C-alpha atoms as a PDB file:
ATOM      1  CA  MET A   1       6.857  49.728 -12.547  1.00  0.00           C
ATOM      2  CA  LYS A   2       6.959  46.689 -14.858  1.00  0.00           C
ATOM      3  CA  LYS A   3       9.139  44.819 -12.358  1.00  0.00           C
ATOM      4  CA  LEU A   4       6.667  45.574  -9.605  1.00  0.00           C
ATOM      5  CA  VAL A   5       3.731  44.299 -11.661  1.00  0.00           C
ATOM      6  CA  PHE A   6       5.648  41.189 -12.672  1.00  0.00           C
ATOM      7  CA  GLY A   7       6.597  40.460  -9.062  1.00  0.00           C
ATOM      8  CA  THR A   8       2.995  40.840  -7.953  1.00  0.00           C
ATOM      9  CA  ILE A   9       1.802  38.383 -10.607  1.00  0.00           C
ATOM     10  CA  LEU A  10       4.534  35.878  -9.709  1.00  0.00           C
ATOM     11  CA  LEU A  11       3.664  36.066  -6.015  1.00  0.00           C
ATOM     12  CA  ALA A  12       0.009  35.485  -6.817  1.00  0.00           C
ATOM     13  CA  LEU A  13       0.851  32.407  -8.913  1.00  0.00           C
ATOM     14  CA  ILE A  14       3.030  30.943  -6.182  1.00  0.00           C
ATOM     15  CA  SER A  15       0.309  31.392  -3.584  1.00  0.00           C
ATOM     16  CA  VAL A  16      -2.402  29.896  -5.808  1.00  0.00           C
ATOM     17  CA  PHE A  17      -0.438  26.924  -7.152  1.00  0.00           C
ATOM     18  CA  PRO A  18      -0.236  24.900  -3.889  1.00  0.00           C
ATOM     19  CA  ILE A  19      -3.972  25.253  -3.417  1.00  0.00           C
ATOM     20  CA  LYS A  20      -4.584  23.801  -6.848  1.00  0.00           C
ATOM     21  CA  ALA A  21      -2.091  21.042  -6.184  1.00  0.00           C
ATOM     22  CA  MET A  22      -3.864  20.107  -2.959  1.00  0.00           C
ATOM     23  CA  ALA A  23      -7.192  20.124  -4.744  1.00  0.00           C
ATOM     24  CA  GLY A  24      -5.759  17.757  -7.326  1.00  0.00           C
ATOM     25  CA  VAL A  25      -4.646  15.387  -4.585  1.00  0.00           C
ATOM     26  CA  ASP A  26      -8.109  15.362  -3.076  1.00  0.00           C
ATOM     27  CA  ILE A  27      -9.613  14.554  -6.458  1.00  0.00           C
ATOM     28  CA  ASN A  28      -7.181  11.696  -6.990  1.00  0.00           C
ATOM     29  CA  ILE A  29      -7.875  10.242  -3.568  1.00  0.00           C
ATOM     30  CA  GLY A  30     -11.609  10.519  -4.176  1.00  0.00           C
ATOM     31  CA  ILE A  31     -11.244   8.967  -7.675  1.00  0.00           C
ATOM     32  CA  SER A  32     -13.484  11.706  -9.079  1.00  0.00           C
ATOM     33  CA  LEU A  33     -16.351  10.673  -6.825  1.00  0.00           C
ATOM     34  CA  PRO A  34     -18.553  13.198  -5.040  1.00  0.00           C
ATOM     35  CA  LEU A  35     -17.703  13.813  -1.417  1.00  0.00           C
ATOM     36  CA  PRO A  36     -20.302  13.423   1.323  1.00  0.00           C
ATOM     37  CA  PRO A  37     -21.956  16.608   2.558  1.00  0.00           C
ATOM     38  CA  LEU A  38     -20.174  18.220   5.463  1.00  0.00           C
ATOM     39  CA  ILE A  39     -21.757  18.254   8.900  1.00  0.00           C
ATOM     40  CA  VAL A  40     -21.368  21.370  11.012  1.00  0.00           C
ATOM     41  CA  PHE A  41     -20.656  20.566  14.651  1.00  0.00           C
ATOM     42  CA  PRO A  42     -21.047  23.357  17.186  1.00  0.00           C
ATOM     43  CA  ALA A  43     -18.462  21.558  19.322  1.00  0.00           C
ATOM     44  CA  PRO A  44     -16.295  18.425  19.007  1.00  0.00           C
ATOM     45  CA  PRO A  45     -18.692  15.480  19.223  1.00  0.00           C
ATOM     46  CA  VAL A  46     -18.844  13.005  22.065  1.00  0.00           C
ATOM     47  CA  VAL A  47     -18.795   9.303  21.252  1.00  0.00           C
ATOM     48  CA  VAL A  48     -19.827   6.004  22.821  1.00  0.00           C
ATOM     49  CA  VAL A  49     -18.214   2.630  22.364  1.00  0.00           C
ATOM     50  CA  ILE A  50     -20.373  -0.153  20.916  1.00  0.00           C
ATOM     51  CA  PRO A  51     -20.439  -3.279  23.096  1.00  0.00           C
ATOM     52  CA  ASP A  52     -18.320  -6.212  21.952  1.00  0.00           C
ATOM     53  CA  THR A  53     -16.164  -3.870  19.838  1.00  0.00           C
ATOM     54  CA  TYR A  54     -13.639  -1.065  19.994  1.00  0.00           C
ATOM     55  CA  VAL A  55     -15.674   0.951  17.521  1.00  0.00           C
ATOM     56  CA  TYR A  56     -16.839   4.395  18.644  1.00  0.00           C
ATOM     57  CA  VAL A  57     -19.891   6.131  17.211  1.00  0.00           C
ATOM     58  CA  VAL A  58     -21.236   9.673  17.252  1.00  0.00           C
ATOM     59  CA  PRO A  59     -24.754   9.099  18.618  1.00  0.00           C
ATOM     60  CA  ASP A  60     -26.197  12.608  18.388  1.00  0.00           C
ATOM     61  CA  VAL A  61     -26.176  13.023  14.581  1.00  0.00           C
ATOM     62  CA  GLU A  62     -28.505  11.459  12.045  1.00  0.00           C
ATOM     63  CA  VAL A  63     -25.760  10.009   9.830  1.00  0.00           C
ATOM     64  CA  ASP A  64     -23.386   7.230  10.821  1.00  0.00           C
ATOM     65  CA  ILE A  65     -19.938   8.469  11.814  1.00  0.00           C
ATOM     66  CA  PHE A  66     -17.554   5.962  13.360  1.00  0.00           C
ATOM     67  CA  PHE A  67     -14.113   6.186  14.882  1.00  0.00           C
ATOM     68  CA  TYR A  68     -11.767   3.215  14.676  1.00  0.00           C
ATOM     69  CA  GLY A  69      -8.021   2.735  14.436  1.00  0.00           C
ATOM     70  CA  GLY A  70      -7.223   6.439  14.524  1.00  0.00           C
ATOM     71  CA  TRP A  71      -9.577   7.275  11.618  1.00  0.00           C
ATOM     72  CA  TRP A  72     -13.050   8.726  11.342  1.00  0.00           C
ATOM     73  CA  TRP A  73     -15.252   6.638   9.010  1.00  0.00           C
ATOM     74  CA  ARG A  74     -18.442   7.470   7.192  1.00  0.00           C
ATOM     75  CA  PRO A  75     -20.653   5.516   4.745  1.00  0.00           C
ATOM     76  CA  TRP A  76     -22.520   7.460   2.104  1.00  0.00           C
ATOM     77  CA  GLU A  77     -24.429   6.317  -1.015  1.00  0.00           C
ATOM     78  CA  GLY A  78     -22.912   2.851  -0.937  1.00  0.00           C
ATOM     79  CA  ARG A  79     -19.351   4.154  -0.588  1.00  0.00           C
ATOM     80  CA  TRP A  80     -17.019   4.622   2.346  1.00  0.00           C
ATOM     81  CA  TYR A  81     -14.967   7.649   3.289  1.00  0.00           C
ATOM     82  CA  ARG A  82     -12.427   8.250   6.013  1.00  0.00           C
ATOM     83  CA  SER A  83     -10.566  11.195   7.488  1.00  0.00           C
ATOM     84  CA  ARG A  84      -8.297  12.192  10.335  1.00  0.00           C
ATOM     85  CA  TYR A  85     -10.918  14.778  11.275  1.00  0.00           C
ATOM     86  CA  TYR A  86     -14.565  14.314  12.185  1.00  0.00           C
ATOM     87  CA  ASP A  87     -15.841  17.312  10.180  1.00  0.00           C
ATOM     88  CA  ARG A  88     -13.629  17.631   7.070  1.00  0.00           C
ATOM     89  CA  GLY A  89     -10.957  16.052   4.894  1.00  0.00           C
ATOM     90  CA  TRP A  90     -13.025  13.058   3.786  1.00  0.00           C
ATOM     91  CA  GLY A  91     -11.360  10.812   1.215  1.00  0.00           C
ATOM     92  CA  TYR A  92     -12.811   7.859  -0.645  1.00  0.00           C
ATOM     93  CA  TYR A  93     -12.007   4.392   0.740  1.00  0.00           C
ATOM     94  CA  ASP A  94     -12.283   1.651  -1.870  1.00  0.00           C
ATOM     95  CA  ARG A  95     -13.640  -1.118   0.368  1.00  0.00           C
ATOM     96  CA  VAL A  96     -15.802  -1.728   3.409  1.00  0.00           C
ATOM     97  CA  PRO A  97     -13.737  -1.314   6.599  1.00  0.00           C
ATOM     98  CA  ARG A  98     -13.302  -4.609   8.410  1.00  0.00           C
ATOM     99  CA  PHE A  99     -14.764  -3.359  11.697  1.00  0.00           C
ATOM    100  CA  TYR A 100     -18.157  -2.521  10.182  1.00  0.00           C
ATOM    101  CA  TYR A 101     -19.572  -6.053  10.190  1.00  0.00           C
ATOM    102  CA  ASP A 102     -18.962  -6.235  13.951  1.00  0.00           C
ATOM    103  CA  VAL A 103     -21.282  -3.270  14.486  1.00  0.00           C
ATOM    104  CA  ASP A 104     -24.891  -4.130  15.286  1.00  0.00           C
ATOM    105  CA  PRO A 105     -27.045  -2.291  12.705  1.00  0.00           C
ATOM    106  CA  ASP A 106     -29.664  -1.574  15.409  1.00  0.00           C
ATOM    107  CA  TRP A 107     -27.247   0.170  17.730  1.00  0.00           C
ATOM    108  CA  ARG A 108     -29.173   3.484  17.572  1.00  0.00           C
ATOM    109  CA  GLY A 109     -32.330   1.953  19.004  1.00  0.00           C
ATOM    110  CA  TYR A 110     -30.367   0.262  21.763  1.00  0.00           C
ATOM    111  CA  TYR A 111     -28.648   3.541  22.538  1.00  0.00           C
ATOM    112  CA  ARG A 112     -31.919   5.470  22.871  1.00  0.00           C
ATOM    113  CA  ASP A 113     -33.498   2.770  25.045  1.00  0.00           C
ATOM    114  CA  ARG A 114     -30.315   2.284  27.059  1.00  0.00           C
ATOM    115  CA  HIS A 115     -30.720  -1.458  26.619  1.00  0.00           C
ATOM    116  CA  TRP A 116     -28.433  -3.859  24.781  1.00  0.00           C
ATOM    117  CA  HIS A 117     -30.262  -6.982  23.675  1.00  0.00           C
ATOM    118  CA  GLY A 118     -32.494  -6.965  26.757  1.00  0.00           C
ATOM    119  CA  HIS A 119     -29.829  -5.876  29.244  1.00  0.00           C
ATOM    120  CA  GLN A 120     -29.381  -2.489  30.846  1.00  0.00           C
ATOM    121  CA  TRP A 121     -26.744  -0.527  28.922  1.00  0.00           C
ATOM    122  CA  ASN A 122     -25.093   2.101  31.054  1.00  0.00           C
ATOM    123  CA  HIS A 123     -23.125   3.621  28.223  1.00  0.00           C
ATOM    124  CA  ILE A 124     -20.711   6.413  28.977  1.00  0.00           C
ATOM    125  CA  GLN A 125     -20.185   9.421  26.740  1.00  0.00           C
ATOM    126  CA  ILE A 126     -16.530   9.995  25.904  1.00  0.00           C
ATOM    127  CA  PRO A 127     -15.356  13.549  25.129  1.00  0.00           C
ATOM    128  CA  HIS A 128     -13.418  14.112  21.953  1.00  0.00           C
ATOM    129  CA  HIS A 129     -10.120  14.990  23.583  1.00  0.00           C
ATOM    130  CA  GLN A 130     -10.152  11.856  25.743  1.00  0.00           C
ATOM    131  CA  LEU A 131     -10.812   9.710  22.699  1.00  0.00           C
ATOM    132  CA  GLN A 132      -7.905  11.195  20.780  1.00  0.00           C
ATOM    133  CA  GLN A 133      -5.525  10.767  23.687  1.00  0.00           C
ATOM    134  CA  ASN A 134      -6.512   7.329  24.930  1.00  0.00           C
ATOM    135  CA  TRP A 135      -8.154   5.200  22.227  1.00  0.00           C
ATOM    136  CA  LYS A 136      -4.969   3.277  21.473  1.00  0.00           C
ATOM    137  CA  SER A 137      -4.094   2.542  25.097  1.00  0.00           C
ATOM    138  CA  TRP A 138      -7.713   1.532  25.791  1.00  0.00           C
ATOM    139  CA  GLN A 139      -7.519  -1.011  23.001  1.00  0.00           C
ATOM    140  CA  ASN A 140      -4.106  -2.354  24.016  1.00  0.00           C
ATOM    141  CA  THR A 141      -5.094  -2.812  27.659  1.00  0.00           C
ATOM    142  CA  ARG A 142      -8.583  -4.170  26.818  1.00  0.00           C
ATOM    143  CA  ARG A 143     -10.133  -1.439  28.900  1.00  0.00           C
ATOM    144  CA  TRP A 144     -13.777  -2.039  28.022  1.00  0.00           C
ATOM    145  CA  GLU A 145     -13.791  -5.700  29.021  1.00  0.00           C
ATOM    146  CA  ARG A 146     -12.389  -4.706  32.424  1.00  0.00           C
ATOM    147  CA  TRP A 147     -14.760  -1.729  32.724  1.00  0.00           C
ATOM    148  CA  GLY A 148     -17.969  -3.554  33.521  1.00  0.00           C
ATOM    149  CA  THR A 149     -18.197  -5.290  30.132  1.00  0.00           C
ATOM    150  CA  TRP A 150     -18.935  -2.134  28.132  1.00  0.00           C
ATOM    151  CA  GLY A 151     -21.469  -1.028  30.739  1.00  0.00           C
ATOM    152  CA  VAL A 152     -23.953  -3.800  29.878  1.00  0.00           C
ATOM    153  CA  GLU A 153     -25.394  -5.420  32.988  1.00  0.00           C
ATOM    154  CA  SER A 154     -25.242  -9.229  33.147  1.00  0.00           C
ATOM    155  CA  TYR A 155     -23.262  -9.099  29.941  1.00  0.00           C
ATOM    156  CA  GLN A 156     -22.147 -12.382  28.429  1.00  0.00           C
ATOM    157  CA  PRO A 157     -19.967 -12.350  25.314  1.00  0.00           C
ATOM    158  CA  ARG A 158     -21.179 -14.325  22.337  1.00  0.00           C
ATOM    159  CA  PRO A 159     -19.272 -17.453  21.311  1.00  0.00           C
ATOM    160  CA  GLN A 160     -16.808 -16.953  18.497  1.00  0.00           C
ATOM    161  CA  ILE A 161     -18.811 -19.115  16.095  1.00  0.00           C
ATOM    162  CA  GLN A 162     -21.894 -17.004  16.670  1.00  0.00           C
ATOM    163  CA  LYS A 163     -19.872 -13.828  16.050  1.00  0.00           C
ATOM    164  CA  GLN A 164     -18.669 -15.171  12.727  1.00  0.00           C
ATOM    165  CA  GLU A 165     -22.211 -16.104  11.697  1.00  0.00           C
ATOM    166  CA  LEU A 166     -23.421 -12.610  12.568  1.00  0.00           C
ATOM    167  CA  ARG A 167     -20.622 -11.081  10.530  1.00  0.00           C
ATOM    168  CA  GLN A 168     -21.594 -13.141   7.495  1.00  0.00           C
ATOM    169  CA  GLN A 169     -25.266 -12.250   7.849  1.00  0.00           C
ATOM    170  CA  ARG A 170     -24.498  -8.537   8.149  1.00  0.00           C
ATOM    171  CA  GLN A 171     -22.178  -8.681   5.170  1.00  0.00           C
ATOM    172  CA  GLN A 172     -24.852 -10.325   3.013  1.00  0.00           C
ATOM    173  CA  GLN A 173     -27.462  -7.802   4.115  1.00  0.00           C
ATOM    174  CA  TYR A 174     -25.133  -4.900   3.403  1.00  0.00           C
ATOM    175  CA  GLN A 175     -24.265  -6.163  -0.079  1.00  0.00           C
ATOM    176  CA  GLN A 176     -27.951  -6.435  -0.979  1.00  0.00           C
ATOM    177  CA  ARG A 177     -28.492  -2.686  -0.654  1.00  0.00           C
ATOM    178  CA  PRO A 178     -29.190  -1.107  -4.072  1.00  0.00           C
ATOM    179  CA  GLU A 179     -26.682   1.727  -3.623  1.00  0.00           C
ATOM    180  CA  VAL A 180     -24.001  -0.759  -2.548  1.00  0.00           C
ATOM    181  CA  LYS A 181     -24.626  -2.969  -5.590  1.00  0.00           C
ATOM    182  CA  GLN A 182     -24.361   0.011  -7.906  1.00  0.00           C
ATOM    183  CA  HIS A 183     -21.090   1.121  -6.393  1.00  0.00           C
ATOM    184  CA  GLU A 184     -19.678  -2.421  -6.448  1.00  0.00           C
ATOM    185  CA  GLN A 185     -20.303  -2.636 -10.187  1.00  0.00           C
ATOM    186  CA  TRP A 186     -18.509   0.649 -10.710  1.00  0.00           C
ATOM    187  CA  ARG A 187     -15.594  -0.497  -8.531  1.00  0.00           C
ATOM    188  CA  GLN A 188     -15.180  -3.726 -10.501  1.00  0.00           C
ATOM    189  CA  GLN A 189     -15.003  -1.736 -13.725  1.00  0.00           C
ATOM    190  CA  GLN A 190     -12.297   0.459 -12.234  1.00  0.00           C
ATOM    191  CA  LYS A 191     -10.312  -2.621 -11.220  1.00  0.00           C
ATOM    192  CA  ARG A 192     -10.340  -4.023 -14.740  1.00  0.00           C
ATOM    193  CA  GLN A 193      -8.866  -0.900 -16.311  1.00  0.00           C
ATOM    194  CA  PRO A 194      -5.558  -0.894 -14.370  1.00  0.00           C
ATOM    195  CA  GLN A 195      -5.116  -4.623 -15.065  1.00  0.00           C
ATOM    196  CA  VAL A 196      -4.996  -3.936 -18.797  1.00  0.00           C
ATOM    197  CA  GLN A 197      -2.580  -1.052 -18.443  1.00  0.00           C
ATOM    198  CA  LYS A 198      -0.183  -2.672 -15.973  1.00  0.00           C
ATOM    199  CA  PRO A 199       1.378  -5.202 -18.410  1.00  0.00           C
ATOM    200  CA  GLN A 200       2.305  -2.347 -20.769  1.00  0.00           C
ATOM    201  CA  GLY A 201       4.160  -0.577 -18.006  1.00  0.00           C
ATOM    202  CA  GLN A 202       5.842  -3.803 -16.988  1.00  0.00           C
ATOM    203  CA  GLN A 203       7.014  -4.476 -20.528  1.00  0.00           C
ATOM    204  CA  GLN A 204       8.578  -1.070 -20.683  1.00  0.00           C
ATOM    205  CA  ARG A 205      10.328  -1.468 -17.355  1.00  0.00           C
ATOM    206  CA  GLN A 206      11.570  -5.018 -17.874  1.00  0.00           C
ATOM    207  CA  PRO A 207      14.401  -4.143 -20.307  1.00  0.00           C
ATOM    208  CA  GLN A 208      15.609  -1.432 -17.950  1.00  0.00           C
ATOM    209  CA  VAL A 209      15.782  -3.822 -15.029  1.00  0.00           C
ATOM    210  CA  GLN A 210      17.243  -6.764 -16.952  1.00  0.00           C
ATOM    211  CA  GLN A 211      19.950  -4.877 -18.786  1.00  0.00           C
ATOM    212  CA  PRO A 212      22.340  -4.572 -15.826  1.00  0.00           C
ATOM    213  CA  GLN A 213      21.798  -8.233 -14.945  1.00  0.00           C
ATOM    214  CA  GLY A 214      22.338  -9.329 -18.497  1.00  0.00           C
ATOM    215  CA  GLN A 215      25.500  -7.284 -18.738  1.00  0.00           C
ATOM    216  CA  GLN A 216      26.841  -8.864 -15.601  1.00  0.00           C
ATOM    217  CA  GLN A 217      26.094 -12.324 -16.967  1.00  0.00           C
ATOM    218  CA  ARG A 218      27.657 -11.606 -20.339  1.00  0.00           C
ATOM    219  CA  GLN A 219      30.800 -10.048 -18.962  1.00  0.00           C
ATOM    220  CA  PRO A 220      32.471 -13.382 -18.152  1.00  0.00           C
ATOM    221  CA  GLN A 221      31.620 -14.608 -21.686  1.00  0.00           C
ATOM    222  CA  VAL A 222      33.170 -11.539 -23.285  1.00  0.00           C
ATOM    223  CA  GLN A 223      36.413 -11.928 -21.393  1.00  0.00           C
ATOM    224  CA  GLN A 224      38.171 -13.840 -24.141  1.00  0.00           C
ATOM    225  CA  PRO A 225      41.723 -12.966 -23.017  1.00  0.00           C
ATOM    226  CA  GLN A 226      41.380 -15.482 -20.225  1.00  0.00           C
ATOM    227  CA  GLY A 227      40.317 -18.159 -22.666  1.00  0.00           C
ATOM    228  CA  GLN A 228      43.181 -17.296 -25.003  1.00  0.00           C
ATOM    229  CA  GLN A 229      45.664 -17.555 -22.203  1.00  0.00           C
ATOM    230  CA  GLN A 230      44.345 -20.991 -21.356  1.00  0.00           C
ATOM    231  CA  ARG A 231      44.482 -22.179 -24.967  1.00  0.00           C
ATOM    232  CA  GLN A 232      47.996 -20.912 -25.606  1.00  0.00           C
ATOM    233  CA  PRO A 233      49.742 -23.809 -23.853  1.00  0.00           C
ATOM    234  CA  GLN A 234      47.686 -26.295 -25.935  1.00  0.00           C
ATOM    235  CA  GLY A 235      48.486 -24.570 -29.204  1.00  0.00           C
ATOM    236  CA  GLN A 236      52.224 -24.017 -28.588  1.00  0.00           C
ATOM    237  CA  GLN A 237      53.614 -26.065 -31.397  1.00  0.00           C
ATOM    238  CA  PRO A 238      57.046 -24.439 -31.055  1.00  0.00           C
ATOM    239  CA  GLN A 239      57.486 -26.394 -27.849  1.00  0.00           C
ATOM    240  CA  GLY A 240      56.975 -29.567 -29.793  1.00  0.00           C
ATOM    241  CA  GLN A 241      59.622 -28.475 -32.277  1.00  0.00           C
ATOM    242  CA  GLN A 242      62.003 -27.725 -29.464  1.00  0.00           C
ATOM    243  CA  GLN A 243      61.448 -31.232 -28.091  1.00  0.00           C
ATOM    244  CA  ARG A 244      62.228 -32.836 -31.469  1.00  0.00           C
ATOM    245  CA  GLN A 245      65.495 -30.987 -31.833  1.00  0.00           C
ATOM    246  CA  PRO A 246      67.435 -33.288 -29.497  1.00  0.00           C
ATOM    247  CA  GLN A 247      66.234 -36.301 -31.525  1.00  0.00           C
ATOM    248  CA  GLY A 248      67.631 -34.798 -34.730  1.00  0.00           C
ATOM    249  CA  GLN A 249      70.846 -33.687 -32.935  1.00  0.00           C
ATOM    250  CA  GLN A 250      71.403 -30.597 -35.074  1.00  0.00           C
ATOM    251  CA  PRO A 251      72.933 -28.047 -32.715  1.00  0.00           C
ATOM    252  CA  GLN A 252      74.531 -26.069 -35.499  1.00  0.00           C
ATOM    253  CA  ARG A 253      71.251 -24.866 -36.929  1.00  0.00           C
ATOM    254  CA  SER A 254      70.113 -21.727 -35.130  1.00  0.00           C
ATOM    255  CA  GLN A 255      67.344 -20.631 -37.505  1.00  0.00           C
ATOM    256  CA  PRO A 256      64.741 -23.212 -36.436  1.00  0.00           C
ATOM    257  CA  GLN A 257      64.990 -21.893 -32.923  1.00  0.00           C
ATOM    258  CA  GLY A 258      64.278 -18.363 -34.111  1.00  0.00           C
ATOM    259  CA  LYS A 259      61.248 -19.345 -36.127  1.00  0.00           C
ATOM    260  CA  PRO A 260      59.218 -20.635 -33.216  1.00  0.00           C
ATOM    261  CA  GLU A 261      59.806 -17.407 -31.294  1.00  0.00           C
ATOM    262  CA  GLY A 262      58.488 -15.440 -34.197  1.00  0.00           C
ATOM    263  CA  GLY A 263      55.538 -17.773 -34.497  1.00  0.00           C
ATOM    264  CA  GLU A 264      54.729 -17.207 -30.868  1.00  0.00           C
ATOM    265  CA  GLU A 265      54.771 -13.458 -31.341  1.00  0.00           C
ATOM    266  CA  LYS A 266      52.333 -13.693 -34.230  1.00  0.00           C
ATOM    267  CA  HIS A 267      50.115 -15.987 -32.270  1.00  0.00           C
ATOM    268  CA  ASN A 268      49.957 -13.553 -29.359  1.00  0.00           C
ATOM    269  CA  ARG A 269      49.026 -10.735 -31.623  1.00  0.00           C
END
């Protein structure tokens, strides 16, 4: 009976632990920030592409939900979130996505009036499954330029200089929002904290990385036997004694020849 109870408890812990682990991952990705409220969709939403961009928007909800680069994007309270799904899995994104400043902030009014800056906008609604299957190929083949210039009649693209000026204006306007300023201050504080902690981690890791390199550099210096072998010919005084023997012409003496051999043995030791 005890084994059965213990097995039941163990099985319960195993089944609960991954859920807690996943929750911890979500918290880390969100950096302890609140997540945006979920939106219940009765069916996968349709989208439209904004002229002059490859950014798709969900037009039939009150909040801004974009699709770009394989991600769903959503601003909320001065922060940005993204997910692989349109209705769940939102995670905090620590900057403004680069596509956002290409989006006209008045796109909703143009969508309702079916006009884009004074021109008829025959926008087409794209089902969810077509978007998921084709968004990448549409972007690679520049589909929307070839398809009637995004559906805008008498459409003329803006010059590149004018596009850059509009991006700068939209960026300045976005940064002036009170909720954006508040979040930017918080983000700068978060950036300063890791900068103080990183050098400590680097100091701890530096000896571990440099030790093998230092050992490899010191190995040739420690190899003294090679140096000794090179110095032996210079320090071989017995050879000099052997060269002086013919000058003295003393062939009967055998002891001087034995002494240098013994001296060499001591020197090698």
